[in-house]
Structure formats: structure tokens, C-alpha cells
Amino acid sequence: MDSNFKPYDYEASFKRLKDILNQSEINYEESDSLPDREKLTYSNGFYAYCSALFIDIRGSSKLPSKYRRPTLARLYRAYVSEVVAILNSDPYCREVNIVGDGAWAVYNTPRRSDIDDIFAISYALNSMIKVLNYELKKKKLDPIEVGIGISYGRALMIKAGYSGSGISDVVYMGDVVNHAAKLAAHGNEGYSDNTIMVSDVFYQNLKDENKKLLSWNSNRGCWHGDVIRKDMEAWYQENCK
């Protein structure tokens, strides 16, 4: 969110704190899907089932010590540009956020077929990273590894910010978002960990064809795999060898 300078008034601030904490009639509606942002106010919220997907670069804290700032900036811009393009490619995408070298998205997935669509986004990301690493190699830069986590569950969607300032954002709270982030942190973490980590609930809603692409990871308590997108892999084989 963009900044919008206003001098800080601590007395007004303390009153806002009290008013917010004393709200007793907040309406948290149950919903089958995530509503549009415009339906949110500072006094309501929505509980809805959805899917969350996280992607994060492994060992990213070491990158600033390996590369000069112009090189690092180009790497991050290339990575973030295409990660966001893929995350945003599903019509049921509700939110895309960038946090440092990580990115995450929330999706409406009311039907089982929607779950398969989000899984397809995860392996498109995996295939894109292969091409990115090929381009990095041509620049004599080391390849990157990522972890991708996907979860399904219920989230609380609320509007948060500074009322009257024009600065606000939508916040998604709940196990589905946190779980996806934790799963992404395990992607490629150990020798036996694959790139894509999928929660059990998400896995159970996949079609059988997609279930066969994943195996159980007993150490992480989830399903995992190194799935790639066939047409992107064909392009890679033809152009990056």
C-alpha cells in the first residue's frame, strides 16, 4: 500500500484503539467463496473456504553477499515478474502479495476442478524456475531453488488499515494461509524434500490423475512432488539445451 503522510496524533490514536477493541457487533459472515474487496468495511469480515499458494526462494538471505546490487535487482525482478504472472493467471485468483523474495496468492476454489487448476499453477511455477535457471547460467549466476506450498481451508477476510487515511489492505487470517507458508518453507529443504508441498486436504480433492503425481512425505506430514508442465517442459527441451 502507498504511504499517505499525516502527522501522528496520539490522542486520536488511543481513541481508535479503544473504539476498535470495544466493537461488539462485528458481522463475520460465512461464505462459500471469497467476496469482492468492495464488500469489506472496517466493521465486517467474511469466513470462506479457499486455497492459498506460497512460493519462496531457498537460501535467499545469502544472495546479497554473493551478488552486487544491480545483478541482485535483475535476478529478483525477473523472478518476481514471472511468479506474479503465473499466480495471477487463474480467473479465481483473489489476491497476490509479494513479501521480499516470496510471493503468495489466495484463490476461490468452491469446486473440486478449481483445486486441480491451482495445482496446475504450482507446476507451471516449477517449470518457469527451470527456464530462469537456464538464463541465470548463461549469465554465469548460480541457479536458485524454491519451495512451493499449497493448502486448502477456511480463512477470515477483513479490511485493515488506518480509517480515514486512504491506507488500507485486505488481510487473510487462518490456518490455510499459515499452512501454505509452512509447506513452502519445507520445499527443497532436505535431500528427500521435493519442490511442491501439498496439504492432505488439498491432495484429497485432486483428481486421481494428479494424485498419482505426488507421494507422501512422512517427515513433513504432506504430499510432495517435482511436477512440471508438459508444454513448458517441451519448450525447455527444445530451446534450453
Protein backbone atom coordinates (compact mmCIF):
# COMPACT_ATOMS: atom_id res chain seq x y z
CA MET A 1 0.00 0.00 0.00
CA ASP A 2 1.22 3.52 -0.77
CA SER A 3 2.10 5.89 2.03
CA ASN A 4 -0.04 8.98 2.65
CA PHE A 5 1.62 11.33 5.12
CA LYS A 6 -0.42 12.50 8.10
CA PRO A 7 1.05 13.78 11.39
CA TYR A 8 0.58 11.30 14.23
CA ASP A 9 -2.00 12.33 16.84
CA TYR A 10 -1.53 10.03 19.82
CA GLU A 11 -4.80 11.07 21.49
CA ALA A 12 -6.76 10.20 18.35
CA SER A 13 -4.71 7.01 18.09
CA PHE A 14 -5.58 5.91 21.62
CA LYS A 15 -9.26 6.61 20.95
CA ARG A 16 -9.15 4.48 17.79
CA LEU A 17 -7.56 1.63 19.74
CA LYS A 18 -10.35 1.76 22.31
CA ASP A 19 -13.11 2.06 19.70
CA ILE A 20 -11.83 -0.91 17.68
CA LEU A 21 -11.39 -3.15 20.72
CA ASN A 22 -14.83 -2.24 22.05
CA GLN A 23 -16.63 -3.18 18.85
CA SER A 24 -19.19 -5.83 19.83
CA GLU A 25 -21.43 -6.16 16.78
CA ILE A 26 -18.88 -7.11 14.13
CA ASN A 27 -20.57 -9.19 11.47
CA TYR A 28 -18.37 -12.06 10.32
CA GLU A 29 -20.38 -13.67 7.56
CA GLU A 30 -20.00 -17.30 6.50
CA SER A 31 -19.50 -17.54 2.73
CA ASP A 32 -19.00 -20.31 0.21
CA SER A 33 -16.43 -18.18 -1.63
CA LEU A 34 -14.30 -15.10 -1.06
CA PRO A 35 -16.26 -11.90 -1.78
CA ASP A 36 -15.09 -8.86 -3.70
CA ARG A 37 -12.94 -6.37 -1.80
CA GLU A 38 -15.65 -3.72 -2.17
CA LYS A 39 -17.90 -5.64 0.24
CA LEU A 40 -15.45 -5.19 3.10
CA THR A 41 -15.73 -2.39 5.67
CA TYR A 42 -13.90 -1.71 8.92
CA SER A 43 -16.75 -3.36 10.83
CA ASN A 44 -17.34 -6.64 8.98
CA GLY A 45 -15.50 -9.67 7.69
CA PHE A 46 -16.05 -12.97 5.88
CA TYR A 47 -15.24 -16.59 6.68
CA ALA A 48 -14.78 -18.55 3.48
CA TYR A 49 -13.11 -21.68 2.19
CA CYS A 50 -10.27 -21.03 -0.24
CA SER A 51 -6.84 -22.22 -1.37
CA ALA A 52 -3.53 -20.50 -0.66
CA LEU A 53 -0.27 -20.93 -2.58
CA PHE A 54 3.17 -19.72 -1.43
CA ILE A 55 6.47 -19.71 -3.31
CA ASP A 56 9.76 -18.77 -1.69
CA ILE A 57 13.45 -18.79 -2.71
CA ARG A 58 15.54 -21.12 -0.56
CA GLY A 59 18.66 -19.60 0.98
CA SER A 60 17.76 -16.12 -0.25
CA SER A 61 19.47 -14.46 2.74
CA LYS A 62 22.83 -15.45 1.20
CA LEU A 63 22.17 -13.84 -2.19
CA PRO A 64 23.10 -10.25 -1.19
CA SER A 65 26.57 -11.46 -0.18
CA LYS A 66 27.05 -13.32 -3.49
CA TYR A 67 26.00 -10.66 -6.00
CA ARG A 68 26.34 -6.92 -6.48
CA ARG A 69 23.15 -4.91 -6.17
CA PRO A 70 22.48 -4.44 -9.94
CA THR A 71 22.80 -8.19 -10.51
CA LEU A 72 20.63 -8.99 -7.50
CA ALA A 73 17.99 -6.50 -8.64
CA ARG A 74 17.82 -8.07 -12.12
CA LEU A 75 17.51 -11.56 -10.62
CA TYR A 76 14.68 -10.54 -8.29
CA ARG A 77 12.85 -8.56 -10.95
CA ALA A 78 12.94 -11.48 -13.38
CA TYR A 79 11.83 -13.92 -10.68
CA VAL A 80 9.03 -11.76 -9.24
CA SER A 81 7.77 -10.69 -12.66
CA GLU A 82 7.07 -14.22 -13.83
CA VAL A 83 5.96 -15.59 -10.47
CA VAL A 84 3.27 -12.90 -10.30
CA ALA A 85 2.28 -13.53 -13.93
CA ILE A 86 1.66 -17.20 -13.17
CA LEU A 87 -0.04 -16.66 -9.80
CA ASN A 88 -2.38 -14.14 -11.40
CA SER A 89 -3.22 -16.35 -14.39
CA ASP A 90 -6.22 -18.05 -12.79
CA PRO A 91 -9.60 -16.24 -13.04
CA TYR A 92 -10.40 -17.20 -9.44
CA CYS A 93 -7.31 -15.51 -8.02
CA ARG A 94 -8.40 -13.09 -5.29
CA GLU A 95 -5.12 -11.71 -4.03
CA VAL A 96 -1.43 -11.71 -4.96
CA ASN A 97 1.15 -10.44 -2.47
CA ILE A 98 4.93 -10.06 -2.63
CA VAL A 99 6.91 -10.33 0.60
CA GLY A 100 10.65 -9.98 -0.02
CA ASP A 101 11.66 -12.88 -2.25
CA GLY A 102 8.44 -14.75 -1.54
CA ALA A 103 5.03 -14.39 -3.12
CA TRP A 104 1.64 -15.80 -2.25
CA ALA A 105 -1.86 -15.86 -3.65
CA VAL A 106 -5.35 -16.70 -2.42
CA TYR A 107 -7.88 -18.38 -4.71
CA ASN A 108 -11.59 -19.09 -4.69
CA THR A 109 -11.88 -22.85 -5.10
CA PRO A 110 -15.53 -23.80 -4.48
CA ARG A 111 -15.39 -26.76 -6.92
CA ARG A 112 -13.03 -29.73 -6.97
CA SER A 113 -11.98 -28.82 -10.50
CA ASP A 114 -10.72 -25.50 -9.13
CA ILE A 115 -8.31 -27.41 -6.87
CA ASP A 116 -6.75 -29.01 -9.93
CA ASP A 117 -6.38 -25.58 -11.54
CA ILE A 118 -4.39 -24.30 -8.56
CA PHE A 119 -2.22 -27.40 -8.63
CA ALA A 120 -1.51 -26.58 -12.30
CA ILE A 121 -0.27 -23.15 -11.21
CA SER A 122 2.22 -24.80 -8.85
CA TYR A 123 3.83 -26.92 -11.55
CA ALA A 124 3.84 -24.04 -14.02
CA LEU A 125 5.90 -22.16 -11.41
CA ASN A 126 8.22 -25.14 -11.11
CA SER A 127 8.74 -25.23 -14.89
CA MET A 128 9.33 -21.48 -15.07
CA ILE A 129 12.11 -21.76 -12.48
CA LYS A 130 13.90 -24.25 -14.78
CA VAL A 131 13.94 -21.66 -17.57
CA LEU A 132 15.01 -18.91 -15.18
CA ASN A 133 17.92 -21.05 -14.00
CA TYR A 134 18.95 -21.68 -17.59
CA GLU A 135 19.05 -17.92 -18.19
CA LEU A 136 20.97 -17.38 -14.94
CA LYS A 137 23.53 -19.97 -16.01
CA LYS A 138 24.11 -18.04 -19.27
CA LYS A 139 24.89 -15.01 -17.09
CA LYS A 140 27.28 -17.14 -15.01
CA LEU A 141 24.98 -16.93 -11.99
CA ASP A 142 24.12 -19.81 -9.69
CA PRO A 143 20.70 -21.46 -10.03
CA ILE A 144 18.06 -20.82 -7.41
CA GLU A 145 15.86 -23.31 -5.60
CA VAL A 146 12.31 -22.59 -4.47
CA GLY A 147 9.75 -24.15 -2.20
CA ILE A 148 6.09 -24.15 -3.20
CA GLY A 149 3.33 -24.82 -0.67
CA ILE A 150 -0.40 -25.23 -1.25
CA SER A 151 -3.19 -25.60 1.30
CA TYR A 152 -6.98 -25.57 1.40
CA GLY A 153 -9.15 -24.41 4.28
CA ARG A 154 -11.11 -21.56 5.78
CA ALA A 155 -9.80 -18.01 6.04
CA LEU A 156 -11.09 -14.87 7.73
CA MET A 157 -11.03 -11.98 5.28
CA ILE A 158 -11.05 -8.50 6.85
CA LYS A 159 -10.22 -4.93 5.91
CA ALA A 160 -7.42 -3.45 7.99
CA GLY A 161 -5.69 -0.09 7.97
CA TYR A 162 -5.98 3.48 9.18
CA SER A 163 -9.58 4.62 8.77
CA GLY A 164 -9.84 7.99 7.07
CA SER A 165 -6.27 7.94 5.76
CA GLY A 166 -6.93 6.15 2.48
CA ILE A 167 -4.43 3.49 3.56
CA SER A 168 -5.95 0.03 3.95
CA ASP A 169 -5.47 -3.51 2.81
CA VAL A 170 -7.25 -6.85 2.87
CA VAL A 171 -5.88 -9.30 5.41
CA TYR A 172 -6.40 -13.05 5.21
CA MET A 173 -6.14 -14.83 8.55
CA GLY A 174 -6.39 -18.52 9.31
CA ASP A 175 -4.67 -21.88 9.12
CA VAL A 176 -4.93 -22.13 5.32
CA VAL A 177 -2.57 -19.20 4.75
CA ASN A 178 -0.16 -20.14 7.54
CA HIS A 179 -0.07 -23.78 6.48
CA ALA A 180 0.76 -22.93 2.86
CA ALA A 181 3.65 -20.76 4.06
CA LYS A 182 5.00 -23.55 6.28
CA LEU A 183 4.75 -26.06 3.46
CA ALA A 184 6.65 -23.73 1.12
CA ALA A 185 9.39 -23.47 3.75
CA HIS A 186 9.83 -27.26 3.54
CA GLY A 187 10.06 -27.34 -0.27
CA ASN A 188 13.60 -28.46 -1.22
CA GLU A 189 14.60 -28.08 2.43
CA GLY A 190 16.12 -31.52 2.78
CA TYR A 191 17.55 -34.16 0.47
CA SER A 192 14.26 -36.05 0.38
CA ASP A 193 12.01 -32.97 0.03
CA ASN A 194 10.58 -32.15 -3.39
CA THR A 195 9.76 -28.66 -4.62
CA ILE A 196 5.96 -28.76 -4.38
CA MET A 197 4.42 -29.46 -0.95
CA VAL A 198 0.66 -30.07 -0.76
CA SER A 199 -1.57 -30.34 2.31
CA ASP A 200 -3.51 -33.56 2.79
CA VAL A 201 -6.92 -31.85 2.44
CA PHE A 202 -5.84 -30.22 -0.83
CA TYR A 203 -4.49 -33.57 -2.07
CA GLN A 204 -7.71 -35.43 -1.26
CA ASN A 205 -9.64 -33.04 -3.53
CA LEU A 206 -7.35 -33.52 -6.54
CA LYS A 207 -8.46 -35.75 -9.40
CA ASP A 208 -6.83 -39.20 -9.44
CA GLU A 209 -4.59 -38.30 -12.37
CA ASN A 210 -2.98 -35.52 -10.33
CA LYS A 211 -2.82 -37.54 -7.13
CA LYS A 212 -0.55 -40.02 -8.92
CA LEU A 213 1.99 -37.24 -9.48
CA LEU A 214 2.57 -36.84 -5.74
CA SER A 215 3.90 -39.07 -2.98
CA TRP A 216 3.56 -38.97 0.80
CA ASN A 217 6.31 -37.17 2.72
CA SER A 218 6.15 -38.66 6.22
CA ASN A 219 8.73 -36.23 7.63
CA ARG A 220 6.61 -33.20 6.69
CA GLY A 221 3.15 -34.74 7.00
CA CYS A 222 2.14 -33.72 3.49
CA TRP A 223 2.25 -34.80 -0.15
CA HIS A 224 5.07 -33.66 -2.41
CA GLY A 225 6.44 -33.89 -5.93
CA ASP A 226 8.59 -32.26 -8.60
CA VAL A 227 5.82 -31.92 -11.14
CA ILE A 228 6.36 -29.92 -14.33
CA ARG A 229 4.04 -28.58 -17.04
CA LYS A 230 4.35 -30.64 -20.23
CA ASP A 231 4.19 -27.86 -22.82
CA MET A 232 6.63 -25.70 -20.87
CA GLU A 233 8.97 -28.67 -20.49
CA ALA A 234 8.80 -29.32 -24.24
CA TRP A 235 9.75 -25.68 -24.88
CA TYR A 236 12.61 -26.02 -22.38
CA GLN A 237 13.93 -29.16 -24.05
CA GLU A 238 13.83 -27.51 -27.46
CA ASN A 239 15.25 -24.11 -26.52
CA CYS A 240 17.38 -24.55 -23.42
CA LYS A 241 19.66 -27.45 -24.32
